[in-house]
Amino acid sequence: MPTEEIRAIELLDRVSYGRVATSMRAMPFVAPARHIVTDGRVLLRLHRGLGYHRACNGSVVAYGADNLTSGEEHLWSVQFTGTARIVEPTDEQAAAFGPGPRSVDGEPFDPVYMCVEPQFVTVHTLDYTIEQASPAEPAPSIERHLHHVA
């Protein structure tokens, strides 16, 4: 497995939710999903009642997750692009997802699981490093770095 894929999987393991994107009737959409990583594949859990799994099944999707709202100094975003398929998780995989929400948009949660076989993996990192101010400097400066690995 290439280094950037390993890094992306390590980062993805740090958060529980992301967004899956594809198109339905030629219109793009993005939907929230819970994920786990197993055997180099990304498994997603979505709410069946929204119907997004039907558009994703057999289609190319992008799945992205990040820590952009974490308040951390080192921010990252990963994206896995590949074909999605509806799957039945093993008991171990289903347990790894943890409990689902009680409801989605007022409907009882009904899980459906999808596997994304990544063909492209992208990692972006944003590094916000605050430099120490000396007494002669009025305020600290912030260095911003954007790194792209594809």
N, C-alpha and C. Protein backbone atom coordinates (compact mmCIF):
# COMPACT_ATOMS: atom_id res chain seq x y z
N MET A 1 0.85 -1.18 0.00
CA MET A 1 0.00 0.00 0.00
C MET A 1 0.90 1.24 0.00
N PRO A 2 0.64 2.19 -0.90
CA PRO A 2 1.46 3.40 -0.95
C PRO A 2 1.41 4.20 0.37
N THR A 3 2.47 4.94 0.63
CA THR A 3 2.59 5.71 1.86
C THR A 3 1.44 6.68 2.07
N GLU A 4 1.01 7.38 1.01
CA GLU A 4 -0.09 8.34 1.18
C GLU A 4 -1.40 7.65 1.54
N GLU A 5 -1.62 6.42 1.03
CA GLU A 5 -2.82 5.68 1.41
C GLU A 5 -2.76 5.28 2.88
N ILE A 6 -1.59 4.86 3.34
CA ILE A 6 -1.43 4.50 4.75
C ILE A 6 -1.69 5.71 5.62
N ARG A 7 -1.15 6.85 5.25
CA ARG A 7 -1.35 8.09 6.01
C ARG A 7 -2.83 8.47 6.02
N ALA A 8 -3.49 8.37 4.88
CA ALA A 8 -4.92 8.71 4.80
C ALA A 8 -5.75 7.81 5.70
N ILE A 9 -5.45 6.53 5.72
CA ILE A 9 -6.18 5.60 6.57
C ILE A 9 -5.93 5.91 8.05
N GLU A 10 -4.68 6.23 8.40
CA GLU A 10 -4.38 6.62 9.78
C GLU A 10 -5.19 7.84 10.20
N LEU A 11 -5.27 8.83 9.31
CA LEU A 11 -6.04 10.03 9.62
C LEU A 11 -7.53 9.73 9.70
N LEU A 12 -8.04 8.94 8.78
CA LEU A 12 -9.46 8.60 8.77
C LEU A 12 -9.86 7.89 10.05
N ASP A 13 -8.97 7.09 10.60
CA ASP A 13 -9.25 6.38 11.85
C ASP A 13 -9.41 7.33 13.05
N ARG A 14 -9.02 8.60 12.89
CA ARG A 14 -9.11 9.56 14.00
C ARG A 14 -10.48 10.21 14.14
N VAL A 15 -11.32 10.07 13.11
CA VAL A 15 -12.67 10.64 13.16
C VAL A 15 -13.69 9.56 12.81
N SER A 16 -14.93 9.80 13.16
CA SER A 16 -15.97 8.78 12.95
C SER A 16 -16.88 9.05 11.76
N TYR A 17 -16.99 10.33 11.38
CA TYR A 17 -17.94 10.69 10.33
C TYR A 17 -17.26 11.47 9.21
N GLY A 18 -17.86 11.38 8.03
CA GLY A 18 -17.40 12.13 6.88
C GLY A 18 -18.58 12.36 5.96
N ARG A 19 -18.28 12.60 4.69
CA ARG A 19 -19.31 12.88 3.70
C ARG A 19 -19.03 12.08 2.44
N VAL A 20 -20.09 11.48 1.91
CA VAL A 20 -19.99 10.75 0.66
C VAL A 20 -20.64 11.61 -0.42
N ALA A 21 -19.99 11.68 -1.57
CA ALA A 21 -20.50 12.50 -2.67
C ALA A 21 -20.55 11.68 -3.95
N THR A 22 -21.62 11.86 -4.69
CA THR A 22 -21.77 11.28 -6.02
C THR A 22 -22.87 12.08 -6.71
N SER A 23 -23.47 11.53 -7.73
CA SER A 23 -24.57 12.26 -8.39
C SER A 23 -25.79 11.35 -8.47
N MET A 24 -26.94 11.99 -8.45
CA MET A 24 -28.20 11.29 -8.58
C MET A 24 -29.00 12.03 -9.65
N ARG A 25 -29.33 11.32 -10.73
CA ARG A 25 -30.02 11.94 -11.87
C ARG A 25 -29.27 13.18 -12.35
N ALA A 26 -27.96 13.06 -12.49
CA ALA A 26 -27.05 14.09 -13.00
C ALA A 26 -26.91 15.29 -12.06
N MET A 27 -27.42 15.19 -10.84
CA MET A 27 -27.29 16.26 -9.86
C MET A 27 -26.36 15.80 -8.74
N PRO A 28 -25.34 16.59 -8.41
CA PRO A 28 -24.42 16.17 -7.34
C PRO A 28 -25.10 16.28 -5.98
N PHE A 29 -24.68 15.41 -5.06
CA PHE A 29 -25.14 15.51 -3.68
C PHE A 29 -24.03 15.05 -2.74
N VAL A 30 -24.14 15.50 -1.50
CA VAL A 30 -23.21 15.12 -0.44
C VAL A 30 -24.06 14.68 0.74
N ALA A 31 -23.72 13.54 1.34
CA ALA A 31 -24.49 13.02 2.46
C ALA A 31 -23.55 12.61 3.60
N PRO A 32 -23.96 12.82 4.83
CA PRO A 32 -23.13 12.39 5.96
C PRO A 32 -23.14 10.87 6.08
N ALA A 33 -22.03 10.33 6.54
CA ALA A 33 -21.92 8.89 6.72
C ALA A 33 -20.94 8.58 7.85
N ARG A 34 -21.18 7.50 8.54
CA ARG A 34 -20.25 6.97 9.55
C ARG A 34 -19.34 6.02 8.80
N HIS A 35 -18.07 5.94 9.19
CA HIS A 35 -17.14 5.06 8.49
C HIS A 35 -16.27 4.26 9.45
N ILE A 36 -15.75 3.16 8.93
CA ILE A 36 -14.65 2.43 9.55
C ILE A 36 -13.73 2.03 8.41
N VAL A 37 -12.48 1.72 8.74
CA VAL A 37 -11.53 1.24 7.74
C VAL A 37 -11.17 -0.19 8.11
N THR A 38 -11.30 -1.09 7.16
CA THR A 38 -10.97 -2.48 7.39
C THR A 38 -10.35 -3.06 6.12
N ASP A 39 -9.23 -3.72 6.28
CA ASP A 39 -8.53 -4.35 5.14
C ASP A 39 -8.28 -3.40 3.98
N GLY A 40 -7.94 -2.14 4.29
CA GLY A 40 -7.64 -1.16 3.25
C GLY A 40 -8.85 -0.63 2.52
N ARG A 41 -10.04 -1.01 2.96
CA ARG A 41 -11.27 -0.53 2.34
C ARG A 41 -12.01 0.35 3.33
N VAL A 42 -12.79 1.27 2.81
CA VAL A 42 -13.59 2.16 3.64
C VAL A 42 -15.02 1.62 3.63
N LEU A 43 -15.53 1.30 4.83
CA LEU A 43 -16.92 0.86 4.96
C LEU A 43 -17.74 2.03 5.49
N LEU A 44 -18.87 2.28 4.87
CA LEU A 44 -19.74 3.38 5.26
C LEU A 44 -21.06 2.85 5.80
N ARG A 45 -21.63 3.61 6.74
CA ARG A 45 -22.99 3.32 7.22
C ARG A 45 -23.83 4.57 6.97
N LEU A 46 -24.88 4.41 6.20
CA LEU A 46 -25.80 5.51 5.89
C LEU A 46 -27.21 5.13 6.34
N HIS A 47 -28.10 6.10 6.34
CA HIS A 47 -29.51 5.86 6.64
C HIS A 47 -30.21 5.45 5.35
N ARG A 48 -30.79 4.27 5.37
CA ARG A 48 -31.47 3.72 4.19
C ARG A 48 -32.64 4.62 3.75
N GLY A 49 -33.30 5.25 4.68
CA GLY A 49 -34.47 6.05 4.37
C GLY A 49 -34.20 7.24 3.46
N LEU A 50 -32.96 7.71 3.40
CA LEU A 50 -32.64 8.83 2.51
C LEU A 50 -32.49 8.40 1.06
N GLY A 51 -32.22 7.11 0.83
CA GLY A 51 -32.12 6.58 -0.52
C GLY A 51 -30.80 6.84 -1.22
N TYR A 52 -29.85 7.48 -0.55
CA TYR A 52 -28.58 7.81 -1.20
C TYR A 52 -27.79 6.56 -1.59
N HIS A 53 -27.97 5.48 -0.84
CA HIS A 53 -27.24 4.25 -1.15
C HIS A 53 -27.57 3.73 -2.54
N ARG A 54 -28.79 3.98 -3.01
CA ARG A 54 -29.15 3.52 -4.36
C ARG A 54 -28.34 4.25 -5.42
N ALA A 55 -28.09 5.55 -5.25
CA ALA A 55 -27.29 6.30 -6.21
C ALA A 55 -25.82 5.90 -6.13
N CYS A 56 -25.36 5.55 -4.93
CA CYS A 56 -23.95 5.21 -4.73
C CYS A 56 -23.61 3.80 -5.23
N ASN A 57 -24.52 2.86 -5.09
CA ASN A 57 -24.24 1.46 -5.39
C ASN A 57 -23.83 1.27 -6.85
N GLY A 58 -22.61 0.80 -7.05
CA GLY A 58 -22.06 0.57 -8.39
C GLY A 58 -21.51 1.81 -9.05
N SER A 59 -21.57 2.94 -8.38
CA SER A 59 -21.09 4.21 -8.94
C SER A 59 -19.76 4.62 -8.31
N VAL A 60 -19.09 5.53 -8.99
CA VAL A 60 -17.89 6.12 -8.42
C VAL A 60 -18.34 7.20 -7.43
N VAL A 61 -17.77 7.14 -6.24
CA VAL A 61 -18.09 8.11 -5.19
C VAL A 61 -16.80 8.70 -4.67
N ALA A 62 -16.94 9.81 -4.00
CA ALA A 62 -15.83 10.37 -3.23
C ALA A 62 -16.27 10.36 -1.78
N TYR A 63 -15.41 9.90 -0.90
CA TYR A 63 -15.70 9.94 0.53
C TYR A 63 -14.62 10.77 1.19
N GLY A 64 -15.02 11.79 1.89
CA GLY A 64 -14.06 12.68 2.54
C GLY A 64 -14.36 12.84 4.01
N ALA A 65 -13.31 13.02 4.79
CA ALA A 65 -13.42 13.30 6.22
C ALA A 65 -12.28 14.23 6.59
N ASP A 66 -12.43 14.93 7.72
CA ASP A 66 -11.42 15.89 8.12
C ASP A 66 -11.51 16.19 9.60
N ASN A 67 -10.59 17.00 10.06
CA ASN A 67 -10.63 17.51 11.44
C ASN A 67 -10.69 19.04 11.43
N LEU A 68 -11.28 19.62 10.41
CA LEU A 68 -11.24 21.07 10.20
C LEU A 68 -11.93 21.87 11.30
N THR A 69 -12.85 21.27 12.02
CA THR A 69 -13.52 22.00 13.11
C THR A 69 -13.01 21.58 14.48
N SER A 70 -11.87 20.90 14.52
CA SER A 70 -11.35 20.36 15.78
C SER A 70 -10.66 21.42 16.65
N GLY A 71 -10.24 22.53 16.05
CA GLY A 71 -9.49 23.52 16.80
C GLY A 71 -8.01 23.17 16.92
N GLU A 72 -7.60 22.05 16.34
CA GLU A 72 -6.20 21.65 16.40
C GLU A 72 -5.35 22.55 15.50
N GLU A 73 -4.06 22.60 15.81
CA GLU A 73 -3.12 23.40 15.03
C GLU A 73 -2.84 22.77 13.67
N HIS A 74 -2.81 21.44 13.64
CA HIS A 74 -2.51 20.70 12.41
C HIS A 74 -3.81 20.12 11.88
N LEU A 75 -4.31 20.73 10.81
CA LEU A 75 -5.58 20.31 10.22
C LEU A 75 -5.32 19.44 9.01
N TRP A 76 -6.25 18.55 8.73
CA TRP A 76 -6.11 17.65 7.59
C TRP A 76 -7.47 17.32 6.99
N SER A 77 -7.42 16.88 5.76
CA SER A 77 -8.60 16.42 5.05
C SER A 77 -8.16 15.28 4.14
N VAL A 78 -8.93 14.20 4.13
CA VAL A 78 -8.62 13.07 3.26
C VAL A 78 -9.81 12.79 2.36
N GLN A 79 -9.53 12.26 1.19
CA GLN A 79 -10.59 11.86 0.27
C GLN A 79 -10.22 10.55 -0.39
N PHE A 80 -11.16 9.64 -0.38
CA PHE A 80 -11.03 8.36 -1.06
C PHE A 80 -12.03 8.37 -2.21
N THR A 81 -11.56 8.10 -3.42
CA THR A 81 -12.43 8.04 -4.58
C THR A 81 -12.37 6.64 -5.15
N GLY A 82 -13.54 6.05 -5.35
CA GLY A 82 -13.60 4.69 -5.89
C GLY A 82 -15.03 4.25 -6.07
N THR A 83 -15.19 3.00 -6.46
CA THR A 83 -16.51 2.44 -6.69
C THR A 83 -17.11 1.95 -5.38
N ALA A 84 -18.37 2.27 -5.16
CA ALA A 84 -19.08 1.87 -3.94
C ALA A 84 -20.02 0.70 -4.24
N ARG A 85 -20.12 -0.19 -3.28
CA ARG A 85 -21.03 -1.33 -3.40
C ARG A 85 -21.73 -1.54 -2.06
N ILE A 86 -23.01 -1.90 -2.12
CA ILE A 86 -23.73 -2.26 -0.90
C ILE A 86 -23.18 -3.59 -0.41
N VAL A 87 -22.91 -3.68 0.88
CA VAL A 87 -22.38 -4.90 1.48
C VAL A 87 -23.11 -5.20 2.78
N GLU A 88 -22.98 -6.43 3.23
CA GLU A 88 -23.44 -6.83 4.55
C GLU A 88 -22.20 -6.92 5.41
N PRO A 89 -22.10 -6.12 6.46
CA PRO A 89 -20.90 -6.18 7.30
C PRO A 89 -20.88 -7.45 8.14
N THR A 90 -19.67 -7.86 8.50
CA THR A 90 -19.55 -8.96 9.46
C THR A 90 -20.03 -8.45 10.81
N ASP A 91 -20.26 -9.35 11.74
CA ASP A 91 -20.67 -8.95 13.08
C ASP A 91 -19.62 -8.04 13.71
N GLU A 92 -18.35 -8.36 13.48
CA GLU A 92 -17.25 -7.55 14.02
C GLU A 92 -17.25 -6.14 13.43
N GLN A 93 -17.47 -6.04 12.11
CA GLN A 93 -17.52 -4.74 11.46
C GLN A 93 -18.71 -3.92 11.94
N ALA A 94 -19.88 -4.55 12.04
CA ALA A 94 -21.07 -3.84 12.52
C ALA A 94 -20.84 -3.31 13.94
N ALA A 95 -20.19 -4.10 14.78
CA ALA A 95 -19.90 -3.67 16.15
C ALA A 95 -18.93 -2.50 16.16
N ALA A 96 -17.98 -2.48 15.22
CA ALA A 96 -16.99 -1.40 15.16
C ALA A 96 -17.64 -0.05 14.84
N PHE A 97 -18.76 -0.06 14.15
CA PHE A 97 -19.48 1.19 13.86
C PHE A 97 -20.07 1.81 15.13
N GLY A 98 -20.35 0.98 16.11
CA GLY A 98 -21.00 1.49 17.32
C GLY A 98 -22.47 1.72 17.07
N PRO A 99 -23.15 2.24 18.09
CA PRO A 99 -24.59 2.45 17.93
C PRO A 99 -24.88 3.56 16.91
N GLY A 100 -25.98 3.40 16.22
CA GLY A 100 -26.41 4.42 15.27
C GLY A 100 -27.27 5.46 15.97
N PRO A 101 -27.61 6.51 15.25
CA PRO A 101 -28.51 7.51 15.83
C PRO A 101 -29.91 6.91 16.02
N ARG A 102 -30.68 7.48 16.90
CA ARG A 102 -32.06 7.00 17.11
C ARG A 102 -32.91 7.30 15.90
N SER A 103 -32.69 8.49 15.31
CA SER A 103 -33.50 8.87 14.15
C SER A 103 -32.69 9.75 13.21
N VAL A 104 -33.15 9.81 11.98
CA VAL A 104 -32.58 10.69 10.96
C VAL A 104 -33.75 11.44 10.33
N ASP A 105 -33.72 12.74 10.43
CA ASP A 105 -34.80 13.57 9.92
C ASP A 105 -36.16 13.10 10.44
N GLY A 106 -36.19 12.69 11.69
CA GLY A 106 -37.44 12.27 12.33
C GLY A 106 -37.85 10.84 12.08
N GLU A 107 -37.13 10.12 11.22
CA GLU A 107 -37.44 8.71 10.94
C GLU A 107 -36.52 7.82 11.76
N PRO A 108 -36.99 6.63 12.18
CA PRO A 108 -36.10 5.70 12.87
C PRO A 108 -34.91 5.35 11.96
N PHE A 109 -33.72 5.30 12.55
CA PHE A 109 -32.52 4.99 11.79
C PHE A 109 -32.55 3.56 11.29
N ASP A 110 -32.33 3.38 9.99
CA ASP A 110 -32.28 2.07 9.33
C ASP A 110 -30.96 2.01 8.56
N PRO A 111 -29.96 1.30 9.09
CA PRO A 111 -28.64 1.35 8.45
C PRO A 111 -28.55 0.56 7.16
N VAL A 112 -27.74 1.08 6.26
CA VAL A 112 -27.32 0.37 5.06
C VAL A 112 -25.81 0.58 4.98
N TYR A 113 -25.09 -0.45 4.56
CA TYR A 113 -23.62 -0.42 4.56
C TYR A 113 -23.10 -0.47 3.14
N MET A 114 -22.04 0.31 2.92
CA MET A 114 -21.41 0.34 1.61
C MET A 114 -19.90 0.20 1.78
N CYS A 115 -19.27 -0.40 0.79
CA CYS A 115 -17.81 -0.52 0.76
C CYS A 115 -17.30 0.33 -0.39
N VAL A 116 -16.27 1.13 -0.11
CA VAL A 116 -15.61 1.92 -1.15
C VAL A 116 -14.23 1.33 -1.36
N GLU A 117 -13.98 0.85 -2.56
CA GLU A 117 -12.65 0.35 -2.94
C GLU A 117 -11.88 1.54 -3.49
N PRO A 118 -10.95 2.11 -2.72
CA PRO A 118 -10.29 3.34 -3.17
C PRO A 118 -9.41 3.12 -4.41
N GLN A 119 -9.60 4.00 -5.39
CA GLN A 119 -8.73 4.02 -6.57
C GLN A 119 -7.80 5.22 -6.53
N PHE A 120 -8.28 6.30 -5.91
CA PHE A 120 -7.47 7.50 -5.70
C PHE A 120 -7.61 7.92 -4.25
N VAL A 121 -6.51 8.32 -3.67
CA VAL A 121 -6.52 8.80 -2.29
C VAL A 121 -5.80 10.14 -2.27
N THR A 122 -6.42 11.12 -1.62
CA THR A 122 -5.84 12.45 -1.52
C THR A 122 -5.76 12.84 -0.06
N VAL A 123 -4.62 13.41 0.34
CA VAL A 123 -4.44 13.94 1.69
C VAL A 123 -4.04 15.40 1.57
N HIS A 124 -4.74 16.26 2.27
CA HIS A 124 -4.39 17.68 2.37
C HIS A 124 -4.11 17.97 3.83
N THR A 125 -3.04 18.71 4.10
CA THR A 125 -2.77 19.15 5.47
C THR A 125 -2.60 20.65 5.48
N LEU A 126 -3.14 21.28 6.51
CA LEU A 126 -3.01 22.71 6.72
C LEU A 126 -2.33 22.89 8.06
N ASP A 127 -1.20 23.52 8.07
CA ASP A 127 -0.38 23.65 9.27
C ASP A 127 -0.42 25.09 9.75
N TYR A 128 -1.10 25.35 10.86
CA TYR A 128 -1.18 26.68 11.46
C TYR A 128 -0.23 26.72 12.64
N THR A 129 0.96 27.24 12.40
CA THR A 129 1.97 27.31 13.44
C THR A 129 2.08 28.76 13.90
N ILE A 130 1.86 28.99 15.17
CA ILE A 130 1.95 30.34 15.72
C ILE A 130 3.37 30.53 16.22
N GLU A 131 4.04 31.55 15.68
CA GLU A 131 5.40 31.86 16.10
C GLU A 131 5.37 32.66 17.39
N GLN A 132 6.37 32.48 18.22
CA GLN A 132 6.49 33.22 19.47
C GLN A 132 6.86 34.68 19.15
N ALA A 133 6.20 35.61 19.79
CA ALA A 133 6.49 37.03 19.60
C ALA A 133 7.58 37.46 20.56
N SER A 134 8.49 38.29 20.04
CA SER A 134 9.49 38.88 20.93
C SER A 134 8.91 40.19 21.46
N PRO A 135 9.47 40.76 22.52
CA PRO A 135 8.94 42.01 23.06
C PRO A 135 8.89 43.14 22.03
N ALA A 136 9.76 43.09 21.02
CA ALA A 136 9.79 44.16 20.01
C ALA A 136 8.69 43.99 18.97
N GLU A 137 8.13 42.78 18.85
CA GLU A 137 7.09 42.53 17.86
C GLU A 137 5.72 42.81 18.47
N PRO A 138 4.83 43.46 17.71
CA PRO A 138 3.52 43.80 18.26
C PRO A 138 2.59 42.59 18.46
N ALA A 139 2.62 41.61 17.56
CA ALA A 139 1.71 40.46 17.68
C ALA A 139 2.33 39.26 16.99
N PRO A 140 1.96 38.06 17.41
CA PRO A 140 2.50 36.87 16.75
C PRO A 140 1.97 36.75 15.34
N SER A 141 2.79 36.16 14.47
CA SER A 141 2.35 35.90 13.11
C SER A 141 1.94 34.44 12.99
N ILE A 142 1.17 34.15 11.99
CA ILE A 142 0.73 32.78 11.77
C ILE A 142 1.27 32.33 10.43
N GLU A 143 1.96 31.17 10.42
CA GLU A 143 2.42 30.58 9.17
C GLU A 143 1.35 29.63 8.70
N ARG A 144 1.04 29.67 7.42
CA ARG A 144 0.06 28.76 6.87
C ARG A 144 0.70 27.98 5.75
N HIS A 145 0.56 26.67 5.83
CA HIS A 145 1.13 25.79 4.82
C HIS A 145 0.04 24.86 4.34
N LEU A 146 -0.09 24.69 3.04
CA LEU A 146 -1.02 23.72 2.47
C LEU A 146 -0.18 22.70 1.73
N HIS A 147 -0.35 21.44 2.12
CA HIS A 147 0.39 20.36 1.48
C HIS A 147 -0.62 19.45 0.79
N HIS A 148 -0.33 19.06 -0.43
CA HIS A 148 -1.22 18.19 -1.18
C HIS A 148 -0.45 16.94 -1.55
N VAL A 149 -1.03 15.80 -1.25
CA VAL A 149 -0.44 14.53 -1.64
C VAL A 149 -1.51 13.76 -2.40
N ALA A 150 -1.23 13.36 -3.62
CA ALA A 150 -2.22 12.60 -4.38
C ALA A 150 -1.57 11.41 -5.03
